[in-house]
N, C-alpha and C. Protein backbone atom coordinates (compact mmCIF):
# COMPACT_ATOMS: atom_id res chain seq x y z
N MET A 1 14.17 1.75 15.67
CA MET A 1 13.37 2.63 14.85
C MET A 1 12.08 1.92 14.45
N PHE A 2 12.17 0.67 14.00
CA PHE A 2 10.97 -0.02 13.54
C PHE A 2 10.05 -0.40 14.70
N ILE A 3 10.64 -0.70 15.86
CA ILE A 3 9.82 -1.03 17.03
C ILE A 3 9.02 0.19 17.46
N LYS A 4 9.67 1.36 17.50
CA LYS A 4 8.97 2.59 17.89
C LYS A 4 7.92 2.99 16.87
N SER A 5 8.06 2.51 15.64
CA SER A 5 7.08 2.80 14.61
C SER A 5 6.02 1.71 14.52
N ASP A 6 5.93 0.89 15.54
CA ASP A 6 4.90 -0.14 15.69
C ASP A 6 4.96 -1.27 14.67
N TYR A 7 6.18 -1.59 14.18
CA TYR A 7 6.30 -2.77 13.35
C TYR A 7 6.25 -3.99 14.26
N PRO A 8 5.63 -5.08 13.83
CA PRO A 8 5.57 -6.29 14.67
C PRO A 8 6.98 -6.81 14.97
N LYS A 9 7.24 -7.10 16.23
CA LYS A 9 8.56 -7.54 16.66
C LYS A 9 8.97 -8.84 15.96
N GLU A 10 8.00 -9.73 15.75
CA GLU A 10 8.30 -11.00 15.09
C GLU A 10 8.80 -10.77 13.66
N LEU A 11 8.19 -9.81 12.96
CA LEU A 11 8.60 -9.52 11.58
C LEU A 11 10.02 -8.95 11.56
N ILE A 12 10.32 -8.07 12.50
CA ILE A 12 11.65 -7.47 12.56
C ILE A 12 12.70 -8.56 12.78
N GLU A 13 12.45 -9.42 13.77
CA GLU A 13 13.40 -10.49 14.08
C GLU A 13 13.54 -11.47 12.92
N LYS A 14 12.43 -11.81 12.28
CA LYS A 14 12.45 -12.74 11.15
C LYS A 14 13.26 -12.16 9.99
N THR A 15 13.07 -10.88 9.71
CA THR A 15 13.78 -10.22 8.62
C THR A 15 15.28 -10.15 8.91
N ILE A 16 15.64 -9.82 10.15
CA ILE A 16 17.06 -9.77 10.53
C ILE A 16 17.69 -11.14 10.38
N GLN A 17 17.01 -12.18 10.87
CA GLN A 17 17.54 -13.54 10.77
C GLN A 17 17.70 -13.96 9.31
N LYS A 18 16.73 -13.60 8.48
CA LYS A 18 16.78 -13.95 7.06
C LYS A 18 17.97 -13.27 6.39
N CYS A 19 18.18 -11.99 6.71
CA CYS A 19 19.31 -11.25 6.13
C CYS A 19 20.64 -11.85 6.59
N LEU A 20 20.74 -12.17 7.88
CA LEU A 20 21.97 -12.77 8.40
C LEU A 20 22.23 -14.13 7.75
N LYS A 21 21.19 -14.94 7.65
CA LYS A 21 21.33 -16.27 7.06
C LYS A 21 21.77 -16.16 5.60
N THR A 22 21.15 -15.26 4.86
CA THR A 22 21.50 -15.06 3.46
C THR A 22 22.95 -14.59 3.34
N SER A 23 23.35 -13.68 4.21
CA SER A 23 24.71 -13.16 4.19
C SER A 23 25.72 -14.25 4.49
N ILE A 24 25.45 -15.07 5.51
CA ILE A 24 26.36 -16.16 5.87
C ILE A 24 26.44 -17.19 4.75
N ASN A 25 25.30 -17.54 4.16
CA ASN A 25 25.29 -18.49 3.04
C ASN A 25 26.09 -17.96 1.87
N GLN A 26 25.97 -16.68 1.58
CA GLN A 26 26.69 -16.08 0.47
C GLN A 26 28.19 -16.08 0.73
N GLN A 27 28.58 -15.78 1.97
CA GLN A 27 30.00 -15.80 2.31
C GLN A 27 30.58 -17.20 2.16
N ASN A 28 29.83 -18.21 2.59
CA ASN A 28 30.29 -19.60 2.45
C ASN A 28 30.42 -19.98 0.98
N LEU A 29 29.47 -19.58 0.15
CA LEU A 29 29.54 -19.88 -1.29
C LEU A 29 30.74 -19.19 -1.92
N ASN A 30 31.00 -17.95 -1.54
CA ASN A 30 32.13 -17.22 -2.11
C ASN A 30 33.47 -17.84 -1.72
N GLU A 31 33.54 -18.36 -0.49
CA GLU A 31 34.78 -19.01 -0.06
C GLU A 31 35.02 -20.29 -0.87
N LEU A 32 33.94 -21.03 -1.17
CA LEU A 32 34.06 -22.26 -1.94
C LEU A 32 34.32 -21.98 -3.42
N ASN A 33 33.73 -20.93 -3.94
CA ASN A 33 33.82 -20.61 -5.36
C ASN A 33 34.45 -19.24 -5.56
N ASN A 34 35.74 -19.13 -5.31
CA ASN A 34 36.41 -17.84 -5.45
C ASN A 34 36.43 -17.36 -6.90
N ASN A 35 36.22 -18.27 -7.86
CA ASN A 35 36.25 -17.90 -9.27
C ASN A 35 35.00 -17.15 -9.69
N LYS A 36 33.89 -17.37 -8.99
CA LYS A 36 32.64 -16.74 -9.37
C LYS A 36 32.57 -15.33 -8.76
N PRO A 37 32.12 -14.35 -9.56
CA PRO A 37 32.02 -12.99 -9.01
C PRO A 37 30.91 -12.90 -7.96
N LYS A 38 31.17 -12.12 -6.95
CA LYS A 38 30.21 -11.92 -5.86
C LYS A 38 29.17 -10.88 -6.28
N PRO A 39 27.88 -11.21 -6.18
CA PRO A 39 26.87 -10.20 -6.51
C PRO A 39 26.91 -9.08 -5.48
N GLU A 40 26.84 -7.85 -5.96
CA GLU A 40 26.97 -6.71 -5.07
C GLU A 40 25.68 -6.41 -4.31
N THR A 41 24.55 -6.55 -4.97
CA THR A 41 23.29 -6.21 -4.30
C THR A 41 22.34 -7.38 -4.32
N LYS A 42 21.56 -7.48 -3.26
CA LYS A 42 20.57 -8.55 -3.15
C LYS A 42 19.16 -8.00 -3.25
N LEU A 43 19.01 -6.73 -2.98
CA LEU A 43 17.69 -6.13 -2.93
C LEU A 43 17.76 -4.75 -3.56
N THR A 44 16.73 -4.40 -4.30
CA THR A 44 16.65 -3.05 -4.86
C THR A 44 15.37 -2.40 -4.38
N LEU A 45 15.42 -1.08 -4.28
CA LEU A 45 14.30 -0.30 -3.77
C LEU A 45 14.24 0.99 -4.57
N SER A 46 13.05 1.42 -4.91
CA SER A 46 12.86 2.67 -5.63
C SER A 46 11.99 3.59 -4.80
N LEU A 47 12.49 4.81 -4.58
CA LEU A 47 11.75 5.82 -3.81
C LEU A 47 11.80 7.14 -4.55
N PRO A 48 10.78 7.97 -4.36
CA PRO A 48 10.83 9.31 -4.96
C PRO A 48 12.00 10.10 -4.38
N TYR A 49 12.66 10.87 -5.21
CA TYR A 49 13.79 11.66 -4.73
C TYR A 49 13.30 12.80 -3.85
N VAL A 50 13.92 12.91 -2.68
CA VAL A 50 13.66 14.00 -1.75
C VAL A 50 15.03 14.47 -1.27
N LYS A 51 15.23 15.76 -1.15
CA LYS A 51 16.51 16.30 -0.72
C LYS A 51 16.93 15.64 0.59
N GLY A 52 18.15 15.14 0.64
CA GLY A 52 18.67 14.51 1.84
C GLY A 52 18.61 13.00 1.84
N ILE A 53 17.93 12.41 0.87
CA ILE A 53 17.77 10.95 0.84
C ILE A 53 19.07 10.24 0.43
N GLU A 54 20.06 11.01 -0.04
CA GLU A 54 21.33 10.43 -0.44
C GLU A 54 22.00 9.73 0.74
N VAL A 55 21.80 10.25 1.95
CA VAL A 55 22.37 9.64 3.15
C VAL A 55 21.81 8.23 3.33
N LEU A 56 20.52 8.10 3.13
CA LEU A 56 19.88 6.78 3.23
C LEU A 56 20.44 5.85 2.16
N LYS A 57 20.65 6.37 0.96
CA LYS A 57 21.17 5.54 -0.13
C LYS A 57 22.55 4.97 0.22
N ARG A 58 23.44 5.81 0.76
CA ARG A 58 24.77 5.34 1.14
C ARG A 58 24.70 4.29 2.25
N THR A 59 23.83 4.51 3.20
CA THR A 59 23.67 3.55 4.30
C THR A 59 23.15 2.22 3.80
N LEU A 60 22.16 2.25 2.92
CA LEU A 60 21.60 1.01 2.39
C LEU A 60 22.60 0.26 1.53
N GLU A 61 23.45 0.97 0.78
CA GLU A 61 24.44 0.31 -0.07
C GLU A 61 25.43 -0.49 0.77
N GLN A 62 25.70 -0.03 1.99
CA GLN A 62 26.63 -0.74 2.87
C GLN A 62 26.09 -2.10 3.29
N ILE A 63 24.77 -2.27 3.27
CA ILE A 63 24.18 -3.56 3.65
C ILE A 63 23.64 -4.32 2.44
N GLY A 64 24.03 -3.89 1.24
CA GLY A 64 23.68 -4.64 0.04
C GLY A 64 22.34 -4.30 -0.58
N VAL A 65 21.79 -3.14 -0.26
CA VAL A 65 20.51 -2.72 -0.84
C VAL A 65 20.78 -1.57 -1.80
N LYS A 66 20.36 -1.72 -3.03
CA LYS A 66 20.53 -0.68 -4.04
C LYS A 66 19.28 0.18 -4.08
N LEU A 67 19.45 1.47 -3.89
CA LEU A 67 18.33 2.40 -3.89
C LEU A 67 18.36 3.22 -5.18
N TYR A 68 17.24 3.21 -5.89
CA TYR A 68 17.08 4.01 -7.09
C TYR A 68 16.09 5.12 -6.79
N PHE A 69 16.33 6.27 -7.39
CA PHE A 69 15.43 7.40 -7.20
C PHE A 69 14.50 7.52 -8.39
N SER A 70 13.27 7.86 -8.11
CA SER A 70 12.33 8.16 -9.19
C SER A 70 12.05 9.65 -9.13
N TYR A 71 11.79 10.22 -10.27
CA TYR A 71 11.52 11.65 -10.36
C TYR A 71 10.14 11.83 -10.98
N PRO A 72 9.10 11.79 -10.17
CA PRO A 72 7.75 11.78 -10.70
C PRO A 72 7.29 13.10 -11.31
N LEU A 73 7.96 14.19 -11.06
CA LEU A 73 7.47 15.47 -11.54
C LEU A 73 8.22 15.97 -12.78
N LYS A 74 8.35 15.11 -13.77
CA LYS A 74 8.88 15.53 -15.06
C LYS A 74 7.74 16.14 -15.86
N LEU A 75 8.06 16.87 -16.90
CA LEU A 75 7.04 17.54 -17.70
C LEU A 75 6.02 16.54 -18.24
N LYS A 76 6.50 15.36 -18.66
CA LYS A 76 5.59 14.34 -19.19
C LYS A 76 4.58 13.90 -18.13
N SER A 77 5.04 13.70 -16.91
CA SER A 77 4.13 13.25 -15.86
C SER A 77 3.16 14.36 -15.46
N LEU A 78 3.59 15.60 -15.56
CA LEU A 78 2.68 16.71 -15.24
C LEU A 78 1.57 16.83 -16.28
N ALA A 79 1.90 16.53 -17.53
CA ALA A 79 0.92 16.65 -18.60
C ALA A 79 -0.12 15.53 -18.52
N THR A 80 0.24 14.41 -17.90
CA THR A 80 -0.68 13.28 -17.85
C THR A 80 -1.21 13.01 -16.44
N LEU A 81 -1.06 13.96 -15.55
CA LEU A 81 -1.53 13.77 -14.18
C LEU A 81 -3.04 13.59 -14.13
N ASN A 82 -3.48 12.70 -13.24
CA ASN A 82 -4.91 12.57 -12.99
C ASN A 82 -5.37 13.80 -12.23
N ILE A 83 -6.57 14.25 -12.52
CA ILE A 83 -7.10 15.41 -11.82
C ILE A 83 -7.39 15.08 -10.37
N LYS A 84 -7.91 13.90 -10.11
CA LYS A 84 -8.23 13.49 -8.75
C LYS A 84 -7.14 12.54 -8.24
N PRO A 85 -6.35 12.97 -7.22
CA PRO A 85 -5.31 12.08 -6.72
C PRO A 85 -5.90 10.91 -5.94
N GLN A 86 -5.16 9.83 -5.92
CA GLN A 86 -5.60 8.65 -5.17
C GLN A 86 -5.66 9.03 -3.69
N SER A 87 -6.75 8.69 -3.03
CA SER A 87 -6.89 9.11 -1.64
C SER A 87 -6.80 7.96 -0.65
N LYS A 88 -6.66 6.73 -1.12
CA LYS A 88 -6.53 5.59 -0.22
C LYS A 88 -5.14 4.98 -0.38
N SER A 89 -4.69 4.29 0.66
CA SER A 89 -3.37 3.66 0.69
C SER A 89 -2.29 4.71 0.40
N ILE A 90 -2.20 5.67 1.31
CA ILE A 90 -1.33 6.82 1.09
C ILE A 90 -0.40 7.08 2.27
N ILE A 91 0.62 7.88 2.00
CA ILE A 91 1.46 8.47 3.03
C ILE A 91 1.17 9.96 2.96
N TYR A 92 0.90 10.58 4.11
CA TYR A 92 0.49 11.98 4.12
C TYR A 92 1.32 12.78 5.10
N GLN A 93 1.17 14.09 5.03
CA GLN A 93 1.90 14.99 5.92
C GLN A 93 0.98 16.07 6.44
N MET A 94 1.16 16.40 7.73
CA MET A 94 0.44 17.52 8.35
C MET A 94 1.48 18.41 9.02
N ASN A 95 1.30 19.70 8.88
CA ASN A 95 2.21 20.66 9.50
C ASN A 95 1.52 21.33 10.68
N CYS A 96 2.28 21.55 11.75
CA CYS A 96 1.76 22.21 12.94
C CYS A 96 2.04 23.71 12.84
N LYS A 97 1.29 24.48 13.56
CA LYS A 97 1.50 25.93 13.58
C LYS A 97 2.88 26.28 14.12
N CYS A 98 3.44 25.42 14.98
CA CYS A 98 4.75 25.68 15.58
C CYS A 98 5.90 25.25 14.66
N GLY A 99 5.59 24.64 13.52
CA GLY A 99 6.62 24.21 12.58
C GLY A 99 6.91 22.72 12.62
N ALA A 100 6.35 22.01 13.59
CA ALA A 100 6.54 20.56 13.66
C ALA A 100 5.81 19.88 12.49
N ILE A 101 6.31 18.72 12.12
CA ILE A 101 5.75 17.97 11.00
C ILE A 101 5.34 16.59 11.49
N TYR A 102 4.23 16.10 10.98
CA TYR A 102 3.78 14.73 11.25
C TYR A 102 3.57 14.03 9.92
N ASN A 103 4.24 12.88 9.74
CA ASN A 103 4.02 12.04 8.58
C ASN A 103 3.29 10.79 9.04
N GLY A 104 2.29 10.37 8.28
CA GLY A 104 1.52 9.19 8.63
C GLY A 104 1.14 8.41 7.39
N GLU A 105 0.62 7.21 7.63
CA GLU A 105 0.15 6.38 6.52
C GLU A 105 -1.24 5.88 6.87
N THR A 106 -2.06 5.66 5.85
CA THR A 106 -3.40 5.16 6.08
C THR A 106 -3.90 4.41 4.86
N LYS A 107 -4.77 3.46 5.10
CA LYS A 107 -5.42 2.74 4.02
C LYS A 107 -6.83 3.27 3.80
N VAL A 108 -7.41 3.88 4.84
CA VAL A 108 -8.82 4.27 4.79
C VAL A 108 -9.07 5.53 3.97
N GLY A 109 -8.05 6.29 3.69
CA GLY A 109 -8.23 7.52 2.93
C GLY A 109 -7.96 8.74 3.80
N LEU A 110 -7.55 9.81 3.15
CA LEU A 110 -7.13 11.01 3.86
C LEU A 110 -8.28 11.66 4.63
N LYS A 111 -9.44 11.79 4.01
CA LYS A 111 -10.57 12.45 4.69
C LYS A 111 -10.99 11.70 5.95
N ASP A 112 -11.12 10.37 5.84
CA ASP A 112 -11.52 9.57 7.00
C ASP A 112 -10.47 9.63 8.11
N ARG A 113 -9.19 9.61 7.72
CA ARG A 113 -8.11 9.67 8.72
C ARG A 113 -8.13 11.02 9.43
N MET A 114 -8.39 12.09 8.70
CA MET A 114 -8.43 13.42 9.32
C MET A 114 -9.61 13.54 10.29
N LYS A 115 -10.73 12.90 9.97
CA LYS A 115 -11.87 12.89 10.90
C LYS A 115 -11.47 12.20 12.21
N GLN A 116 -10.71 11.11 12.09
CA GLN A 116 -10.24 10.40 13.28
C GLN A 116 -9.35 11.30 14.13
N TYR A 117 -8.47 12.07 13.49
CA TYR A 117 -7.59 12.97 14.23
C TYR A 117 -8.38 14.07 14.93
N LYS A 118 -9.36 14.62 14.23
CA LYS A 118 -10.18 15.68 14.85
C LYS A 118 -10.83 15.17 16.13
N THR A 119 -11.34 13.94 16.09
CA THR A 119 -11.96 13.34 17.27
C THR A 119 -10.94 13.15 18.38
N LYS A 120 -9.76 12.63 18.04
CA LYS A 120 -8.72 12.39 19.04
C LYS A 120 -8.24 13.70 19.67
N ILE A 121 -8.11 14.74 18.87
CA ILE A 121 -7.65 16.03 19.39
C ILE A 121 -8.69 16.62 20.34
N LYS A 122 -9.98 16.48 20.02
CA LYS A 122 -11.03 16.97 20.91
C LYS A 122 -11.01 16.25 22.25
N GLU A 123 -10.72 14.93 22.23
CA GLU A 123 -10.65 14.16 23.48
C GLU A 123 -9.46 14.58 24.34
N ASN A 124 -8.35 15.00 23.70
CA ASN A 124 -7.15 15.51 24.38
C ASN A 124 -6.66 14.56 25.47
N ASP A 125 -6.57 13.27 25.16
CA ASP A 125 -6.16 12.25 26.11
C ASP A 125 -4.65 12.06 26.07
N ILE A 126 -3.95 12.39 27.16
CA ILE A 126 -2.49 12.27 27.20
C ILE A 126 -2.05 10.82 27.05
N ASN A 127 -2.90 9.87 27.39
CA ASN A 127 -2.56 8.45 27.27
C ASN A 127 -2.81 7.91 25.86
N SER A 128 -3.23 8.77 24.97
CA SER A 128 -3.48 8.36 23.58
C SER A 128 -2.17 7.94 22.93
N SER A 129 -2.25 6.99 22.00
CA SER A 129 -1.05 6.57 21.27
C SER A 129 -0.72 7.53 20.13
N SER A 130 -1.58 8.51 19.92
CA SER A 130 -1.39 9.46 18.82
C SER A 130 -0.33 10.50 19.17
N GLU A 131 0.70 10.59 18.32
CA GLU A 131 1.75 11.59 18.52
C GLU A 131 1.19 13.01 18.36
N ILE A 132 0.19 13.15 17.54
CA ILE A 132 -0.42 14.47 17.34
C ILE A 132 -1.11 14.93 18.61
N VAL A 133 -1.85 14.05 19.26
CA VAL A 133 -2.54 14.40 20.50
C VAL A 133 -1.51 14.72 21.59
N LYS A 134 -0.46 13.92 21.68
CA LYS A 134 0.59 14.17 22.68
C LYS A 134 1.24 15.53 22.45
N HIS A 135 1.54 15.84 21.20
CA HIS A 135 2.15 17.13 20.86
C HIS A 135 1.21 18.27 21.26
N HIS A 136 -0.05 18.14 20.93
CA HIS A 136 -1.06 19.15 21.25
C HIS A 136 -1.16 19.33 22.77
N TYR A 137 -1.13 18.22 23.50
CA TYR A 137 -1.24 18.26 24.97
C TYR A 137 -0.01 18.92 25.59
N ILE A 138 1.18 18.53 25.12
CA ILE A 138 2.43 19.08 25.66
C ILE A 138 2.50 20.59 25.44
N LYS A 139 2.03 21.06 24.32
CA LYS A 139 2.06 22.49 24.00
C LYS A 139 0.87 23.24 24.60
N ASN A 140 0.11 22.58 25.46
CA ASN A 140 -1.04 23.20 26.14
C ASN A 140 -2.05 23.80 25.17
N GLY A 141 -2.21 23.17 24.03
CA GLY A 141 -3.19 23.62 23.05
C GLY A 141 -2.82 24.90 22.33
N GLN A 142 -1.59 25.41 22.55
CA GLN A 142 -1.18 26.66 21.91
C GLN A 142 -0.87 26.48 20.43
N CYS A 143 -0.49 25.29 20.06
CA CYS A 143 -0.26 25.03 18.64
C CYS A 143 -0.97 23.73 18.29
N SER A 144 -1.34 23.61 17.05
CA SER A 144 -2.08 22.41 16.67
C SER A 144 -1.91 22.13 15.18
N PHE A 145 -2.18 20.88 14.84
CA PHE A 145 -2.17 20.46 13.45
C PHE A 145 -3.54 20.75 12.86
N ASP A 146 -3.56 21.20 11.63
CA ASP A 146 -4.82 21.48 10.96
C ASP A 146 -5.09 20.34 9.98
N PRO A 147 -5.99 19.42 10.33
CA PRO A 147 -6.28 18.29 9.45
C PRO A 147 -6.79 18.71 8.07
N ASN A 148 -7.34 19.91 7.97
CA ASN A 148 -7.85 20.39 6.68
C ASN A 148 -6.71 20.74 5.72
N LYS A 149 -5.50 20.91 6.25
CA LYS A 149 -4.36 21.27 5.40
C LYS A 149 -3.40 20.10 5.18
N ALA A 150 -3.82 18.90 5.55
CA ALA A 150 -2.98 17.71 5.31
C ALA A 150 -2.90 17.45 3.81
N PHE A 151 -1.77 16.90 3.39
CA PHE A 151 -1.62 16.62 1.96
C PHE A 151 -0.92 15.28 1.75
N ILE A 152 -1.18 14.68 0.60
CA ILE A 152 -0.63 13.38 0.23
C ILE A 152 0.78 13.58 -0.31
N ILE A 153 1.74 12.78 0.21
CA ILE A 153 3.10 12.87 -0.31
C ILE A 153 3.51 11.63 -1.11
N ASP A 154 2.75 10.54 -0.96
CA ASP A 154 3.07 9.33 -1.72
C ASP A 154 1.89 8.36 -1.67
N ASN A 155 1.83 7.46 -2.63
CA ASN A 155 0.82 6.40 -2.68
C ASN A 155 1.53 5.06 -2.62
N GLU A 156 0.95 4.11 -1.90
CA GLU A 156 1.51 2.75 -1.85
C GLU A 156 0.42 1.80 -1.38
N THR A 157 0.08 0.82 -2.21
CA THR A 157 -0.98 -0.12 -1.85
C THR A 157 -0.49 -1.23 -0.93
N ASN A 158 0.80 -1.57 -1.01
CA ASN A 158 1.35 -2.62 -0.16
C ASN A 158 1.59 -2.07 1.24
N TYR A 159 0.99 -2.73 2.25
CA TYR A 159 1.04 -2.23 3.63
C TYR A 159 2.47 -2.06 4.14
N TRP A 160 3.32 -3.08 3.97
CA TRP A 160 4.67 -3.01 4.53
C TRP A 160 5.52 -1.97 3.81
N LYS A 161 5.37 -1.86 2.51
CA LYS A 161 6.10 -0.82 1.78
C LYS A 161 5.63 0.56 2.22
N ARG A 162 4.31 0.69 2.46
CA ARG A 162 3.75 1.96 2.91
C ARG A 162 4.34 2.34 4.28
N ARG A 163 4.45 1.37 5.18
CA ARG A 163 5.02 1.63 6.51
C ARG A 163 6.49 2.05 6.41
N LYS A 164 7.24 1.37 5.52
CA LYS A 164 8.65 1.72 5.33
C LYS A 164 8.79 3.12 4.77
N LYS A 165 7.95 3.45 3.79
CA LYS A 165 8.00 4.79 3.21
C LYS A 165 7.64 5.85 4.25
N GLU A 166 6.66 5.55 5.09
CA GLU A 166 6.29 6.49 6.16
C GLU A 166 7.49 6.74 7.06
N THR A 167 8.21 5.68 7.41
CA THR A 167 9.38 5.81 8.27
C THR A 167 10.46 6.65 7.59
N ILE A 168 10.69 6.40 6.31
CA ILE A 168 11.71 7.15 5.58
C ILE A 168 11.34 8.63 5.51
N TYR A 169 10.09 8.94 5.17
CA TYR A 169 9.66 10.34 5.12
C TYR A 169 9.74 10.98 6.50
N SER A 170 9.44 10.22 7.55
CA SER A 170 9.51 10.76 8.91
C SER A 170 10.93 11.13 9.28
N ILE A 171 11.89 10.30 8.87
CA ILE A 171 13.29 10.59 9.16
C ILE A 171 13.76 11.81 8.36
N ILE A 172 13.44 11.83 7.08
CA ILE A 172 13.88 12.93 6.23
C ILE A 172 13.29 14.26 6.70
N ASN A 173 12.02 14.27 7.06
CA ASN A 173 11.34 15.50 7.47
C ASN A 173 11.48 15.82 8.95
N GLU A 174 12.23 14.99 9.68
CA GLU A 174 12.39 15.15 11.13
C GLU A 174 11.03 15.28 11.80
N SER A 175 10.18 14.34 11.48
CA SER A 175 8.80 14.32 11.97
C SER A 175 8.75 13.99 13.46
N ILE A 176 7.62 14.30 14.09
CA ILE A 176 7.43 13.98 15.51
C ILE A 176 7.03 12.52 15.70
N ASN A 177 6.97 11.76 14.63
CA ASN A 177 6.60 10.34 14.70
C ASN A 177 7.57 9.57 15.59
N LYS A 178 7.11 8.40 16.06
CA LYS A 178 7.94 7.54 16.89
C LYS A 178 8.90 6.74 16.02
N CYS A 179 10.05 7.29 15.71
CA CYS A 179 11.07 6.53 15.00
C CYS A 179 12.41 7.23 15.19
N ASP A 180 13.47 6.45 15.30
CA ASP A 180 14.82 7.00 15.39
C ASP A 180 15.81 5.93 14.94
N LEU A 181 16.99 6.37 14.57
CA LEU A 181 18.03 5.43 14.11
C LEU A 181 18.95 5.07 15.25
């Protein structure tokens, strides 16, 4: 899933090795110190609640990651919302006329990213790395994404967290993005 979403292979391997090493070290410590309680979680993560994310929570708990949900749309948060949403370092969504969904992330801002998509769609290059262009090409131009109707679904300034959130939203929304479990 992470390779298809263009995560660096070295980072994936390094993270897996680190998790395995930590797990093995913890098992060795527990065998030596049976009197000490074993910590249940090593990592915690907070994501906005979206219907269906409970499946991800159960899966993460099996590998020692505790997932907490945040509920950003409480009455208090609605009363104090900024009028102008943050437009840089975001995760966004575009819907196609055929019902397909594309989730993406960008640091440059939503307007600039949409200009890039408009240019790519006009070029209509099947060899493009853009899933949107490929979708448009496969459907023979009969359906298309409207960059003017794209909307922000989350903000994240940290690049790696933003990429992870993009992947999670892509899985939940069954996006056409390059990712699978």
